[in-house]
């Protein structure tokens, strides 16, 4: 049986000695997933603001074509994280195939390159329970300040954080209702802040 990251911390087990984590995916109808990938050789997958916006455009369009709900996301220069819920067992697979195929074609054409952009197939970790769900959302939203804790999350534009802080500035393709049923407004902001020093590597 797969051990969740939070159980591993309690048991004192390392998360670093897990080669190929989440490559083999467990597709479950109605399941929640932490989905992520990074550039091959850790190269940048977003070169400028236009690239970020194009990825988000493709993401929104891929969501509309499938029975997938996006709870939160963050895009970083060389990787991305998504937290999603799928309805049928292969909806996630269809959405990610559409999203990544379109983005790689766009990126390679625009930047006059060829070949792979991402480090293999995307990873997808099945969320274990409600605690895992809310903690993973905090992990995703905290990504911009992993290397620089002084970064103000509300000023980082390539994230769904503002959808939870101030909906009017958020993204309409992000569904906040599920996480807001647990924490809203200041309570969620405080939770994300508290999680930063206690987080483990979920990706």
N, C-alpha and C. Protein backbone atom coordinates (compact mmCIF):
# COMPACT_ATOMS: atom_id res chain seq x y z
N UNK A 1 0.85 -1.20 0.00
CA UNK A 1 0.00 0.00 0.00
C UNK A 1 0.88 1.24 0.00
N UNK A 2 0.53 2.23 -0.80
CA UNK A 2 1.30 3.47 -0.85
C UNK A 2 1.15 4.24 0.44
N UNK A 3 2.26 4.78 0.96
CA UNK A 3 2.24 5.55 2.19
C UNK A 3 2.22 7.03 1.82
N UNK A 4 1.30 7.77 2.41
CA UNK A 4 1.18 9.19 2.08
C UNK A 4 2.40 9.94 2.61
N UNK A 5 2.72 11.13 2.03
CA UNK A 5 3.87 11.91 2.50
C UNK A 5 3.77 12.25 3.98
N UNK A 6 2.57 12.51 4.47
CA UNK A 6 2.40 12.92 5.85
C UNK A 6 2.64 11.75 6.80
N UNK A 7 2.23 10.54 6.41
CA UNK A 7 2.51 9.35 7.20
C UNK A 7 4.01 9.08 7.22
N UNK A 8 4.67 9.31 6.11
CA UNK A 8 6.12 9.09 6.04
C UNK A 8 6.85 10.01 7.02
N UNK A 9 6.40 11.25 7.15
CA UNK A 9 7.04 12.17 8.10
C UNK A 9 6.85 11.67 9.53
N UNK A 10 5.64 11.24 9.85
CA UNK A 10 5.34 10.74 11.19
C UNK A 10 6.22 9.54 11.51
N UNK A 11 6.44 8.68 10.52
CA UNK A 11 7.24 7.47 10.73
C UNK A 11 8.74 7.73 10.61
N UNK A 12 9.10 8.97 10.22
CA UNK A 12 10.51 9.30 10.09
C UNK A 12 11.13 8.74 8.83
N UNK A 13 10.33 8.48 7.81
CA UNK A 13 10.85 7.92 6.57
C UNK A 13 11.24 9.04 5.61
N UNK A 14 12.25 8.80 4.79
CA UNK A 14 12.72 9.80 3.85
C UNK A 14 11.84 9.84 2.62
N UNK A 15 11.63 11.06 2.12
CA UNK A 15 10.92 11.22 0.85
C UNK A 15 11.89 11.26 -0.32
N UNK A 16 13.18 11.36 -0.03
CA UNK A 16 14.15 11.52 -1.10
C UNK A 16 14.51 10.19 -1.76
N UNK A 17 14.33 9.08 -1.06
CA UNK A 17 14.71 7.78 -1.60
C UNK A 17 13.52 7.09 -2.23
N UNK A 18 12.83 7.80 -3.09
CA UNK A 18 11.64 7.26 -3.74
C UNK A 18 11.75 7.46 -5.24
N UNK A 19 12.65 6.71 -5.91
CA UNK A 19 12.87 6.93 -7.35
C UNK A 19 11.60 6.70 -8.15
N UNK A 20 11.37 7.59 -9.10
CA UNK A 20 10.23 7.43 -9.98
C UNK A 20 8.89 7.61 -9.30
N UNK A 21 8.85 8.40 -8.24
CA UNK A 21 7.60 8.59 -7.52
C UNK A 21 6.51 9.10 -8.45
N UNK A 22 5.33 8.48 -8.35
CA UNK A 22 4.12 8.96 -8.99
C UNK A 22 4.16 8.92 -10.52
N UNK A 23 5.10 8.14 -11.08
CA UNK A 23 5.07 7.92 -12.53
C UNK A 23 3.94 6.96 -12.86
N UNK A 24 3.85 5.86 -12.09
CA UNK A 24 2.75 4.93 -12.26
C UNK A 24 1.54 5.51 -11.53
N UNK A 25 0.50 5.79 -12.27
CA UNK A 25 -0.63 6.54 -11.72
C UNK A 25 -1.80 5.62 -11.39
N UNK A 26 -2.50 5.95 -10.32
CA UNK A 26 -3.70 5.23 -9.94
C UNK A 26 -4.90 6.08 -10.31
N UNK A 27 -5.52 5.75 -11.44
CA UNK A 27 -6.64 6.55 -11.93
C UNK A 27 -7.94 6.06 -11.29
N UNK A 28 -8.58 6.94 -10.54
CA UNK A 28 -9.81 6.60 -9.83
C UNK A 28 -10.87 7.64 -10.15
N UNK A 29 -12.05 7.20 -10.54
CA UNK A 29 -13.14 8.12 -10.77
C UNK A 29 -13.47 8.89 -9.51
N UNK A 30 -13.59 10.21 -9.60
CA UNK A 30 -13.87 11.04 -8.45
C UNK A 30 -12.64 11.35 -7.60
N UNK A 31 -11.46 10.92 -8.06
CA UNK A 31 -10.24 11.12 -7.28
C UNK A 31 -9.66 12.51 -7.41
N UNK A 32 -8.98 12.93 -6.35
CA UNK A 32 -8.23 14.18 -6.34
C UNK A 32 -6.76 13.85 -6.58
N UNK A 33 -6.07 14.71 -7.34
CA UNK A 33 -4.67 14.45 -7.69
C UNK A 33 -3.81 15.69 -7.60
N UNK A 34 -2.59 15.47 -7.13
CA UNK A 34 -1.54 16.49 -7.22
C UNK A 34 -0.73 16.14 -8.47
N UNK A 35 -0.80 17.00 -9.47
CA UNK A 35 -0.18 16.75 -10.77
C UNK A 35 0.97 17.75 -10.96
N UNK A 36 2.09 17.25 -11.46
CA UNK A 36 3.23 18.15 -11.61
C UNK A 36 4.20 17.62 -12.65
N UNK A 37 5.04 18.52 -13.15
CA UNK A 37 6.11 18.14 -14.06
C UNK A 37 7.09 19.29 -14.14
N UNK A 38 8.29 19.02 -14.63
CA UNK A 38 9.29 20.07 -14.79
C UNK A 38 10.02 19.90 -16.10
N UNK A 39 10.79 20.90 -16.45
CA UNK A 39 11.51 20.87 -17.71
C UNK A 39 12.60 19.82 -17.73
N UNK A 40 12.86 19.27 -18.91
CA UNK A 40 13.93 18.29 -19.05
C UNK A 40 15.25 18.93 -18.64
N UNK A 41 16.05 18.20 -17.86
CA UNK A 41 17.30 18.73 -17.31
C UNK A 41 17.07 19.99 -16.49
N UNK A 42 15.86 20.12 -15.95
CA UNK A 42 15.46 21.27 -15.11
C UNK A 42 15.51 22.60 -15.87
N UNK A 43 15.38 22.53 -17.19
CA UNK A 43 15.41 23.75 -18.00
C UNK A 43 14.12 24.53 -17.82
N UNK A 44 14.16 25.81 -18.17
CA UNK A 44 12.98 26.67 -18.07
C UNK A 44 11.92 26.21 -19.06
N UNK A 45 10.67 26.19 -18.61
CA UNK A 45 9.55 25.88 -19.50
C UNK A 45 8.70 27.13 -19.76
N UNK A 46 9.01 28.20 -19.03
CA UNK A 46 8.36 29.49 -19.26
C UNK A 46 9.46 30.54 -19.37
N UNK A 47 9.56 31.18 -20.52
CA UNK A 47 10.62 32.13 -20.76
C UNK A 47 10.21 33.57 -20.45
N UNK A 48 8.91 33.83 -20.55
CA UNK A 48 8.43 35.18 -20.30
C UNK A 48 6.93 35.14 -20.00
N UNK A 49 6.35 36.30 -19.82
CA UNK A 49 4.94 36.38 -19.44
C UNK A 49 4.03 35.78 -20.50
N UNK A 50 4.41 35.89 -21.77
CA UNK A 50 3.59 35.33 -22.83
C UNK A 50 3.47 33.81 -22.69
N UNK A 51 4.56 33.16 -22.33
CA UNK A 51 4.53 31.70 -22.15
C UNK A 51 3.61 31.32 -21.00
N UNK A 52 3.71 32.03 -19.89
CA UNK A 52 2.82 31.74 -18.75
C UNK A 52 1.36 31.88 -19.16
N UNK A 53 1.04 32.94 -19.86
CA UNK A 53 -0.35 33.19 -20.26
C UNK A 53 -0.85 32.15 -21.26
N UNK A 54 0.03 31.71 -22.15
CA UNK A 54 -0.37 30.70 -23.13
C UNK A 54 -0.66 29.37 -22.43
N UNK A 55 0.18 28.99 -21.47
CA UNK A 55 -0.05 27.75 -20.73
C UNK A 55 -1.40 27.82 -20.00
N UNK A 56 -1.69 28.95 -19.37
CA UNK A 56 -2.95 29.09 -18.65
C UNK A 56 -4.14 29.08 -19.60
N UNK A 57 -3.97 29.62 -20.79
CA UNK A 57 -5.03 29.58 -21.79
C UNK A 57 -5.31 28.13 -22.19
N UNK A 58 -4.25 27.38 -22.49
CA UNK A 58 -4.41 25.97 -22.85
C UNK A 58 -4.99 25.17 -21.69
N UNK A 59 -4.58 25.50 -20.47
CA UNK A 59 -5.10 24.82 -19.30
C UNK A 59 -6.61 25.03 -19.17
N UNK A 60 -7.05 26.27 -19.30
CA UNK A 60 -8.48 26.57 -19.19
C UNK A 60 -9.27 25.85 -20.27
N UNK A 61 -8.74 25.81 -21.49
CA UNK A 61 -9.44 25.16 -22.60
C UNK A 61 -9.48 23.64 -22.42
N UNK A 62 -8.39 23.07 -21.89
CA UNK A 62 -8.35 21.62 -21.66
C UNK A 62 -9.33 21.22 -20.55
N UNK A 63 -9.48 22.06 -19.55
CA UNK A 63 -10.43 21.80 -18.48
C UNK A 63 -11.86 21.76 -19.02
N UNK A 64 -12.18 22.69 -19.92
CA UNK A 64 -13.53 22.76 -20.48
C UNK A 64 -13.87 21.53 -21.31
N UNK A 65 -12.85 20.93 -21.93
CA UNK A 65 -13.08 19.78 -22.80
C UNK A 65 -13.22 18.47 -22.02
N UNK A 66 -12.89 18.48 -20.74
CA UNK A 66 -12.88 17.25 -19.96
C UNK A 66 -13.66 17.45 -18.66
N UNK A 67 -13.93 16.37 -17.96
CA UNK A 67 -14.64 16.43 -16.68
C UNK A 67 -13.64 16.57 -15.54
N UNK A 68 -12.83 17.60 -15.63
CA UNK A 68 -11.79 17.83 -14.64
C UNK A 68 -12.00 19.19 -13.98
N UNK A 69 -11.89 19.23 -12.67
CA UNK A 69 -12.02 20.46 -11.90
C UNK A 69 -10.65 20.84 -11.36
N UNK A 70 -10.25 22.09 -11.57
CA UNK A 70 -8.97 22.59 -11.06
C UNK A 70 -9.20 23.32 -9.75
N UNK A 71 -8.56 22.84 -8.68
CA UNK A 71 -8.70 23.47 -7.38
C UNK A 71 -7.65 24.55 -7.15
N UNK A 72 -6.42 24.28 -7.57
CA UNK A 72 -5.39 25.31 -7.47
C UNK A 72 -4.21 24.95 -8.37
N UNK A 73 -3.36 25.94 -8.61
CA UNK A 73 -2.20 25.73 -9.47
C UNK A 73 -1.12 26.74 -9.15
N UNK A 74 0.09 26.44 -9.57
CA UNK A 74 1.18 27.40 -9.58
C UNK A 74 2.09 27.05 -10.75
N UNK A 75 2.56 28.08 -11.43
CA UNK A 75 3.53 27.91 -12.50
C UNK A 75 4.83 28.57 -12.07
N UNK A 76 5.91 27.81 -12.11
CA UNK A 76 7.23 28.31 -11.77
C UNK A 76 8.10 28.27 -13.03
N UNK A 77 9.24 28.97 -13.04
CA UNK A 77 10.02 29.03 -14.28
C UNK A 77 10.33 27.68 -14.92
N UNK A 78 10.62 26.64 -14.12
CA UNK A 78 10.98 25.35 -14.72
C UNK A 78 10.07 24.20 -14.32
N UNK A 79 8.91 24.49 -13.68
CA UNK A 79 7.99 23.41 -13.33
C UNK A 79 6.60 23.98 -13.02
N UNK A 80 5.64 23.07 -12.87
CA UNK A 80 4.29 23.49 -12.51
C UNK A 80 3.67 22.47 -11.56
N UNK A 81 2.66 22.92 -10.83
CA UNK A 81 1.87 22.05 -9.95
C UNK A 81 0.39 22.36 -10.16
N UNK A 82 -0.41 21.31 -10.20
CA UNK A 82 -1.87 21.44 -10.30
C UNK A 82 -2.49 20.56 -9.22
N UNK A 83 -3.63 20.99 -8.69
CA UNK A 83 -4.44 20.16 -7.80
C UNK A 83 -5.80 20.04 -8.45
N UNK A 84 -6.17 18.82 -8.84
CA UNK A 84 -7.38 18.64 -9.64
C UNK A 84 -8.26 17.53 -9.08
N UNK A 85 -9.50 17.54 -9.53
CA UNK A 85 -10.43 16.45 -9.27
C UNK A 85 -10.97 15.98 -10.60
N UNK A 86 -10.96 14.68 -10.84
CA UNK A 86 -11.52 14.15 -12.07
C UNK A 86 -12.84 13.43 -11.78
N UNK A 87 -13.70 13.36 -12.79
CA UNK A 87 -14.98 12.68 -12.62
C UNK A 87 -14.86 11.22 -12.99
N UNK A 88 -14.40 10.96 -14.22
CA UNK A 88 -14.21 9.57 -14.67
C UNK A 88 -12.74 9.19 -14.54
N UNK A 89 -12.46 7.91 -14.63
CA UNK A 89 -11.13 7.41 -14.29
C UNK A 89 -10.01 7.85 -15.22
N UNK A 90 -10.32 8.28 -16.44
CA UNK A 90 -9.25 8.68 -17.36
C UNK A 90 -9.35 10.14 -17.78
N UNK A 91 -10.17 10.92 -17.09
CA UNK A 91 -10.32 12.33 -17.45
C UNK A 91 -9.01 13.11 -17.29
N UNK A 92 -8.30 12.83 -16.21
CA UNK A 92 -7.03 13.50 -15.98
C UNK A 92 -6.04 13.23 -17.11
N UNK A 93 -5.96 11.98 -17.52
CA UNK A 93 -5.05 11.59 -18.59
C UNK A 93 -5.37 12.36 -19.88
N UNK A 94 -6.65 12.46 -20.21
CA UNK A 94 -7.07 13.17 -21.42
C UNK A 94 -6.72 14.66 -21.33
N UNK A 95 -6.98 15.25 -20.16
CA UNK A 95 -6.70 16.67 -19.99
C UNK A 95 -5.23 16.98 -20.12
N UNK A 96 -4.39 16.17 -19.46
CA UNK A 96 -2.95 16.43 -19.48
C UNK A 96 -2.35 16.18 -20.86
N UNK A 97 -2.87 15.19 -21.57
CA UNK A 97 -2.37 14.95 -22.92
C UNK A 97 -2.66 16.17 -23.81
N UNK A 98 -3.87 16.69 -23.72
CA UNK A 98 -4.24 17.86 -24.51
C UNK A 98 -3.40 19.07 -24.13
N UNK A 99 -3.29 19.34 -22.84
CA UNK A 99 -2.56 20.51 -22.35
C UNK A 99 -1.10 20.48 -22.74
N UNK A 100 -0.41 19.39 -22.44
CA UNK A 100 1.04 19.35 -22.65
C UNK A 100 1.41 19.24 -24.12
N UNK A 101 0.61 18.52 -24.91
CA UNK A 101 0.90 18.43 -26.34
C UNK A 101 0.80 19.81 -26.98
N UNK A 102 -0.26 20.53 -26.67
CA UNK A 102 -0.44 21.86 -27.26
C UNK A 102 0.65 22.83 -26.80
N UNK A 103 1.01 22.74 -25.53
CA UNK A 103 2.01 23.69 -25.03
C UNK A 103 3.39 23.41 -25.60
N UNK A 104 3.77 22.14 -25.72
CA UNK A 104 5.09 21.82 -26.27
C UNK A 104 5.18 22.28 -27.72
N UNK A 105 4.12 22.05 -28.51
CA UNK A 105 4.12 22.50 -29.89
C UNK A 105 4.27 24.01 -29.97
N UNK A 106 3.51 24.71 -29.12
CA UNK A 106 3.60 26.18 -29.09
C UNK A 106 5.00 26.63 -28.69
N UNK A 107 5.53 26.07 -27.60
CA UNK A 107 6.81 26.51 -27.06
C UNK A 107 7.95 26.27 -28.04
N UNK A 108 7.99 25.07 -28.63
CA UNK A 108 9.06 24.76 -29.57
C UNK A 108 9.00 25.64 -30.80
N UNK A 109 7.80 25.92 -31.29
CA UNK A 109 7.66 26.80 -32.45
C UNK A 109 8.10 28.22 -32.12
N UNK A 110 7.63 28.71 -31.00
CA UNK A 110 7.94 30.10 -30.65
C UNK A 110 9.41 30.31 -30.36
N UNK A 111 10.05 29.32 -29.72
CA UNK A 111 11.44 29.49 -29.31
C UNK A 111 12.42 28.75 -30.22
N UNK A 112 11.92 28.35 -31.40
CA UNK A 112 12.77 27.77 -32.44
C UNK A 112 13.61 26.62 -31.91
N UNK A 113 12.93 25.64 -31.33
CA UNK A 113 13.61 24.48 -30.81
C UNK A 113 12.83 23.23 -31.18
N UNK A 114 13.40 22.06 -30.91
CA UNK A 114 12.71 20.80 -31.16
C UNK A 114 13.02 19.84 -30.03
N UNK A 115 12.28 18.74 -30.00
CA UNK A 115 12.54 17.73 -28.99
C UNK A 115 11.70 17.91 -27.74
N UNK A 116 12.05 17.13 -26.73
CA UNK A 116 11.29 17.12 -25.48
C UNK A 116 11.46 18.43 -24.71
N UNK A 117 10.38 18.85 -24.08
CA UNK A 117 10.42 20.01 -23.21
C UNK A 117 10.35 19.58 -21.75
N UNK A 118 9.52 18.56 -21.47
CA UNK A 118 9.31 18.11 -20.10
C UNK A 118 10.13 16.87 -19.78
N UNK A 119 10.37 16.69 -18.49
CA UNK A 119 11.15 15.56 -18.01
C UNK A 119 10.25 14.33 -17.93
N UNK A 120 10.05 13.69 -19.06
CA UNK A 120 9.21 12.51 -19.11
C UNK A 120 7.73 12.86 -18.97
N UNK A 121 6.93 11.85 -18.65
CA UNK A 121 5.51 12.06 -18.49
C UNK A 121 5.24 12.80 -17.19
N UNK A 122 4.07 13.40 -17.10
CA UNK A 122 3.72 14.11 -15.88
C UNK A 122 3.58 13.12 -14.72
N UNK A 123 3.74 13.62 -13.50
CA UNK A 123 3.54 12.82 -12.30
C UNK A 123 2.16 13.16 -11.73
N UNK A 124 1.51 12.19 -11.11
CA UNK A 124 0.20 12.41 -10.52
C UNK A 124 0.09 11.59 -9.24
N UNK A 125 -0.02 12.27 -8.12
CA UNK A 125 -0.15 11.61 -6.82
C UNK A 125 -1.61 11.66 -6.37
N UNK A 126 -2.18 10.50 -6.11
CA UNK A 126 -3.55 10.43 -5.63
C UNK A 126 -3.62 10.97 -4.20
N UNK A 127 -4.51 11.94 -3.98
CA UNK A 127 -4.68 12.53 -2.66
C UNK A 127 -5.35 11.52 -1.73
N UNK A 128 -4.81 11.40 -0.52
CA UNK A 128 -5.25 10.35 0.39
C UNK A 128 -6.52 10.70 1.17
N UNK A 129 -6.62 11.95 1.64
CA UNK A 129 -7.75 12.32 2.49
C UNK A 129 -7.88 13.84 2.51
N UNK A 130 -8.81 14.36 3.30
CA UNK A 130 -9.06 15.80 3.33
C UNK A 130 -7.87 16.58 3.87
N UNK A 131 -7.16 16.01 4.84
CA UNK A 131 -5.98 16.69 5.37
C UNK A 131 -4.91 16.80 4.30
N UNK A 132 -4.71 15.71 3.58
CA UNK A 132 -3.76 15.71 2.46
C UNK A 132 -4.16 16.76 1.43
N UNK A 133 -5.45 16.87 1.16
CA UNK A 133 -5.94 17.82 0.15
C UNK A 133 -5.61 19.26 0.52
N UNK A 134 -5.94 19.67 1.72
CA UNK A 134 -5.72 21.06 2.12
C UNK A 134 -4.24 21.36 2.29
N UNK A 135 -3.47 20.37 2.78
CA UNK A 135 -2.03 20.57 2.92
C UNK A 135 -1.34 20.67 1.56
N UNK A 136 -1.80 19.88 0.60
CA UNK A 136 -1.22 19.95 -0.74
C UNK A 136 -1.52 21.29 -1.39
N UNK A 137 -2.69 21.83 -1.16
CA UNK A 137 -3.01 23.16 -1.71
C UNK A 137 -2.06 24.21 -1.15
N UNK A 138 -1.75 24.11 0.15
CA UNK A 138 -0.81 25.06 0.76
C UNK A 138 0.59 24.88 0.18
N UNK A 139 0.99 23.61 -0.01
CA UNK A 139 2.30 23.32 -0.62
C UNK A 139 2.40 23.97 -2.00
N UNK A 140 1.36 23.82 -2.79
CA UNK A 140 1.35 24.39 -4.14
C UNK A 140 1.43 25.92 -4.08
N UNK A 141 0.60 26.52 -3.26
CA UNK A 141 0.58 27.99 -3.19
C UNK A 141 1.85 28.57 -2.59
N UNK A 142 2.55 27.79 -1.77
CA UNK A 142 3.79 28.28 -1.16
C UNK A 142 5.00 28.16 -2.08
N UNK A 143 4.86 27.51 -3.21
CA UNK A 143 6.01 27.27 -4.09
C UNK A 143 6.83 28.52 -4.42
N UNK A 144 6.20 29.66 -4.72
CA UNK A 144 7.01 30.84 -5.09
C UNK A 144 7.97 31.31 -4.01
N UNK A 145 7.71 31.00 -2.76
CA UNK A 145 8.62 31.45 -1.71
C UNK A 145 9.46 30.32 -1.11
N UNK A 146 9.57 29.21 -1.83
CA UNK A 146 10.43 28.12 -1.38
C UNK A 146 11.88 28.59 -1.28
N UNK A 147 12.33 29.28 -2.32
CA UNK A 147 13.71 29.75 -2.35
C UNK A 147 13.87 31.15 -1.78
N UNK A 148 12.76 31.88 -1.71
CA UNK A 148 12.80 33.25 -1.20
C UNK A 148 11.58 33.51 -0.34
N UNK A 149 11.67 33.25 0.97
CA UNK A 149 10.51 33.39 1.86
C UNK A 149 9.96 34.82 1.90
N UNK A 150 10.72 35.79 1.39
CA UNK A 150 10.24 37.17 1.43
C UNK A 150 9.27 37.50 0.30
N UNK A 151 9.12 36.59 -0.64
CA UNK A 151 8.16 36.82 -1.73
C UNK A 151 6.75 36.92 -1.15
N UNK A 152 6.00 37.90 -1.64
CA UNK A 152 4.61 38.09 -1.21
C UNK A 152 3.72 37.31 -2.15
N UNK A 153 3.06 36.28 -1.64
CA UNK A 153 2.27 35.39 -2.50
C UNK A 153 1.17 36.13 -3.26
N UNK A 154 0.58 37.12 -2.64
CA UNK A 154 -0.52 37.86 -3.29
C UNK A 154 -0.04 38.68 -4.47
N UNK A 155 1.28 38.83 -4.62
CA UNK A 155 1.84 39.59 -5.74
C UNK A 155 2.39 38.67 -6.82
N UNK A 156 2.33 37.35 -6.59
CA UNK A 156 2.83 36.41 -7.60
C UNK A 156 1.69 36.11 -8.58
N UNK A 157 1.87 36.44 -9.87
CA UNK A 157 0.75 36.40 -10.81
C UNK A 157 0.40 35.03 -11.39
N UNK A 158 1.30 34.06 -11.28
CA UNK A 158 1.10 32.78 -11.97
C UNK A 158 0.66 31.69 -10.99
N UNK A 159 -0.37 31.98 -10.25
CA UNK A 159 -0.84 31.11 -9.19
C UNK A 159 -2.31 31.37 -8.92
N UNK A 160 -2.97 30.38 -8.34
CA UNK A 160 -4.39 30.55 -7.98
C UNK A 160 -4.56 31.11 -6.57
N UNK A 161 -3.47 31.47 -5.92
CA UNK A 161 -3.55 31.96 -4.54
C UNK A 161 -4.56 33.09 -4.39
N UNK A 162 -4.55 34.04 -5.32
CA UNK A 162 -5.46 35.19 -5.20
C UNK A 162 -6.91 34.80 -5.39
N UNK A 163 -7.16 33.66 -6.01
CA UNK A 163 -8.53 33.18 -6.14
C UNK A 163 -9.12 32.86 -4.76
N UNK A 164 -8.24 32.53 -3.81
CA UNK A 164 -8.68 32.22 -2.45
C UNK A 164 -8.62 33.42 -1.53
N UNK A 165 -7.78 34.39 -1.88
CA UNK A 165 -7.61 35.57 -1.04
C UNK A 165 -8.59 36.67 -1.44
N UNK A 166 -8.70 36.89 -2.73
CA UNK A 166 -9.58 37.94 -3.24
C UNK A 166 -10.10 37.49 -4.61
N UNK A 167 -11.29 36.89 -4.60
CA UNK A 167 -11.82 36.20 -5.78
C UNK A 167 -11.86 37.09 -7.01
N UNK A 168 -12.07 38.38 -6.83
CA UNK A 168 -12.20 39.27 -7.98
C UNK A 168 -10.90 39.32 -8.79
N UNK A 169 -9.77 39.00 -8.14
CA UNK A 169 -8.48 39.00 -8.83
C UNK A 169 -8.05 37.59 -9.24
N UNK A 170 -8.91 36.63 -9.01
CA UNK A 170 -8.56 35.25 -9.29
C UNK A 170 -8.83 34.84 -10.72
N UNK A 171 -8.73 33.54 -10.97
CA UNK A 171 -8.95 32.97 -12.29
C UNK A 171 -10.29 32.24 -12.30
N UNK A 172 -11.09 32.52 -13.34
CA UNK A 172 -12.44 31.94 -13.36
C UNK A 172 -12.44 30.45 -13.67
N UNK A 173 -11.30 29.89 -14.09
CA UNK A 173 -11.25 28.44 -14.34
C UNK A 173 -10.81 27.66 -13.10
N UNK A 174 -10.65 28.34 -11.97
CA UNK A 174 -10.31 27.70 -10.71
C UNK A 174 -11.56 27.58 -9.85
N UNK A 175 -11.86 26.37 -9.38
CA UNK A 175 -13.02 26.14 -8.52
C UNK A 175 -12.56 26.17 -7.07
N UNK A 176 -12.96 27.20 -6.34
CA UNK A 176 -12.52 27.37 -4.95
C UNK A 176 -13.48 26.77 -3.93
N UNK A 177 -14.61 26.25 -4.38
CA UNK A 177 -15.66 25.85 -3.44
C UNK A 177 -15.25 24.69 -2.54
N UNK A 178 -14.49 23.73 -3.08
CA UNK A 178 -14.13 22.55 -2.29
C UNK A 178 -13.20 22.92 -1.13
N UNK A 179 -12.13 23.65 -1.42
CA UNK A 179 -11.21 24.04 -0.36
C UNK A 179 -11.83 25.07 0.58
N UNK A 180 -12.69 25.95 0.03
CA UNK A 180 -13.33 26.96 0.88
C UNK A 180 -14.32 26.35 1.86
N UNK A 181 -14.74 25.12 1.60
CA UNK A 181 -15.62 24.46 2.55
C UNK A 181 -14.88 24.09 3.83
N UNK A 182 -13.53 24.09 3.76
CA UNK A 182 -12.71 23.80 4.93
C UNK A 182 -12.14 25.08 5.54
N UNK A 183 -11.59 25.94 4.70
CA UNK A 183 -10.99 27.19 5.16
C UNK A 183 -11.28 28.29 4.15
N UNK A 184 -11.55 29.49 4.65
CA UNK A 184 -11.80 30.62 3.75
C UNK A 184 -11.04 31.85 4.24
N UNK A 185 -10.80 32.77 3.32
CA UNK A 185 -10.26 34.09 3.65
C UNK A 185 -9.02 34.05 4.52
N UNK A 186 -9.06 34.80 5.62
CA UNK A 186 -7.91 34.92 6.52
C UNK A 186 -7.49 33.58 7.10
N UNK A 187 -8.46 32.70 7.34
CA UNK A 187 -8.13 31.39 7.89
C UNK A 187 -7.25 30.60 6.91
N UNK A 188 -7.56 30.69 5.62
CA UNK A 188 -6.75 29.98 4.63
C UNK A 188 -5.38 30.63 4.50
N UNK A 189 -5.32 31.96 4.48
CA UNK A 189 -4.05 32.67 4.40
C UNK A 189 -3.14 32.27 5.55
N UNK A 190 -3.69 32.25 6.76
CA UNK A 190 -2.91 31.89 7.93
C UNK A 190 -2.44 30.44 7.87
N UNK A 191 -3.29 29.56 7.35
CA UNK A 191 -2.92 28.16 7.22
C UNK A 191 -1.75 27.99 6.26
N UNK A 192 -1.81 28.65 5.11
CA UNK A 192 -0.72 28.58 4.13
C UNK A 192 0.58 29.09 4.75
N UNK A 193 0.49 30.19 5.49
CA UNK A 193 1.68 30.75 6.14
C UNK A 193 2.26 29.78 7.17
N UNK A 194 1.40 29.15 7.95
CA UNK A 194 1.87 28.22 8.98
C UNK A 194 2.51 26.99 8.39
N UNK A 195 2.04 26.58 7.21
CA UNK A 195 2.55 25.36 6.60
C UNK A 195 3.96 25.50 6.05
N UNK A 196 4.37 26.69 5.67
CA UNK A 196 5.65 26.88 4.97
C UNK A 196 6.83 26.23 5.68
N UNK A 197 7.08 26.48 6.97
CA UNK A 197 8.26 25.89 7.60
C UNK A 197 8.12 24.39 7.91
N UNK A 198 6.92 23.85 7.77
CA UNK A 198 6.69 22.45 8.14
C UNK A 198 6.48 21.54 6.93
N UNK A 199 6.60 22.09 5.72
CA UNK A 199 6.26 21.31 4.55
C UNK A 199 7.35 20.31 4.17
N UNK A 200 6.90 19.23 3.53
CA UNK A 200 7.81 18.24 2.96
C UNK A 200 7.68 18.31 1.45
N UNK A 201 8.60 17.68 0.77
CA UNK A 201 8.58 17.70 -0.69
C UNK A 201 7.50 16.73 -1.20
N UNK A 202 6.41 17.29 -1.73
CA UNK A 202 5.33 16.45 -2.25
C UNK A 202 5.52 16.15 -3.72
N UNK A 203 6.55 16.68 -4.36
CA UNK A 203 6.75 16.48 -5.77
C UNK A 203 8.03 15.77 -6.06
